[in-house]
Amino acid sequence: MIAVEFLTAIFTVLAVISGSALLVLVWLDNRRVRIDDGIANFRRHIDALSPEARRNSVHAGYASDQSEKRRN
């Protein structure tokens, strides 16, 4: 009977440790920044710019794209 109680205690401790580790991993995964978050932040930033500043940003991006196409 002592061996059964000992095994039960070991399995209970292992279950608690495993559950805790799983919760920590899920929490850490949800904290990770995803690429979609960066894109949404960029779009919010662009939307917050004035039309003149937005025009300069778009023009700079367009010029960068055109120069890269010429290099290829």
Protein backbone atom coordinates (compact mmCIF):
# COMPACT_ATOMS: atom_id res chain seq x y z
CA MET A 1 0.00 0.00 0.00
CA ILE A 2 2.85 2.38 0.70
CA ALA A 3 4.22 1.82 -2.81
CA VAL A 4 0.84 2.64 -4.36
CA GLU A 5 0.56 5.87 -2.35
CA PHE A 6 4.12 6.78 -3.34
CA LEU A 7 3.40 6.19 -7.06
CA THR A 8 0.19 8.21 -6.80
CA ALA A 9 2.09 11.09 -5.24
CA ILE A 10 4.79 10.95 -7.93
CA PHE A 11 2.22 10.93 -10.74
CA THR A 12 0.35 13.82 -9.11
CA VAL A 13 3.52 15.89 -8.85
CA LEU A 14 4.46 15.08 -12.45
CA ALA A 15 0.98 16.03 -13.63
CA VAL A 16 1.15 19.37 -11.83
CA ILE A 17 4.62 20.10 -13.23
CA SER A 18 3.56 19.11 -16.76
CA GLY A 19 0.41 21.21 -16.57
CA SER A 20 2.35 24.20 -15.29
CA ALA A 21 4.94 23.84 -18.06
CA LEU A 22 2.17 23.65 -20.65
CA LEU A 23 0.53 26.81 -19.31
CA VAL A 24 3.85 28.66 -19.37
CA LEU A 25 4.50 27.58 -22.97
CA VAL A 26 1.03 28.68 -24.09
CA TRP A 27 1.48 32.03 -22.32
CA LEU A 28 4.90 32.57 -23.94
CA ASP A 29 3.55 31.66 -27.37
CA ASN A 30 0.74 34.19 -27.06
CA ARG A 31 3.22 36.93 -26.12
CA ARG A 32 5.29 36.41 -29.25
CA VAL A 33 4.98 39.17 -31.85
CA ARG A 34 3.68 37.86 -35.11
CA ILE A 35 4.27 39.25 -38.60
CA ASP A 36 0.61 40.22 -38.87
CA ASP A 37 0.99 42.43 -35.79
CA GLY A 38 3.87 44.28 -37.45
CA ILE A 39 1.91 44.80 -40.64
CA ALA A 40 -1.09 46.13 -38.70
CA ASN A 41 1.17 48.49 -36.74
CA PHE A 42 2.75 49.74 -39.97
CA ARG A 43 -0.65 50.38 -41.54
CA ARG A 44 -1.83 52.27 -38.45
CA HIS A 45 1.34 54.35 -38.57
CA ILE A 46 0.90 55.17 -42.26
CA ASP A 47 -2.77 56.03 -41.69
CA ALA A 48 -1.79 58.42 -38.88
CA LEU A 49 0.60 60.37 -41.12
CA SER A 50 -0.47 63.58 -42.78
CA PRO A 51 -1.08 63.40 -46.53
CA GLU A 52 2.23 65.19 -47.26
CA ALA A 53 4.25 62.82 -45.08
CA ARG A 54 2.39 59.83 -46.49
CA ARG A 55 3.17 60.98 -50.02
CA ASN A 56 6.90 61.14 -49.20
CA SER A 57 6.85 57.67 -47.62
CA VAL A 58 5.00 56.13 -50.55
CA HIS A 59 7.26 57.89 -53.05
CA ALA A 60 10.40 56.67 -51.25
CA GLY A 61 9.06 53.10 -51.25
CA TYR A 62 8.19 53.33 -54.94
CA ALA A 63 11.65 54.70 -55.81
CA SER A 64 13.26 51.90 -53.81
CA ASP A 65 11.20 49.29 -55.67
CA GLN A 66 12.10 50.79 -59.05
CA SER A 67 15.84 50.89 -58.29
CA GLU A 68 15.77 47.25 -57.18
CA LYS A 69 13.98 46.23 -60.39
CA ARG A 70 16.68 47.97 -62.44
CA ARG A 71 19.41 46.06 -60.61
CA ASN A 72 17.79 42.71 -61.41
